[in-house]
Structures are given as structure tokens and as C-alpha cells.
């Protein structure tokens, strides 16, 4: 072990720490939070990707293809762009 209390022969320096050590607990908590944030970001990305794909589908699927539907969709397209 070197002067800072870290194991220099490969592996993590956590092996030499007691389980109740405050620094060990703090680092473990930070890793848990980082992992949770990464999973949350991944899920948000997946949901955004799915939502973008569903927007490309027919915006009024229960309506018949009539001139009224076409006129409404053209109007909405014109005012939103």
C-alpha cells in the first residue's frame, strides 16, 4: 500500500477499507447515484425516440381520408411551420 492508503498492486483500493468507513460509503453512494442517473437518462432517450417515431404516423388515425381531414391537416401544417 502506498502513503495515501491505496492498493498499488492492481484492483480497487476499496478492498483494504473497512465496510463502515465513511469515505467508502460516500464513494459507493456516489456510484449508485451516477448509475441511477445513467439509467434514467437512457430511459428518457428511449421514450423520446419512441415519441418521435409515433409522431410520424397518421395524426388522426380514426378519421376517414376526406377533403375535410386534408384541409385541417394542411391548415395545422401551415400555421405551425
Foldseek 3Di string as FASTA:
>chain_A
DDPVQADPPDDGSCVVDDPPDPVSVVVVVVVVVVVVVVVVVVVVVVVVVVVVVVVVPDPCVVDDPDVVVVVVVVVVVVVVD
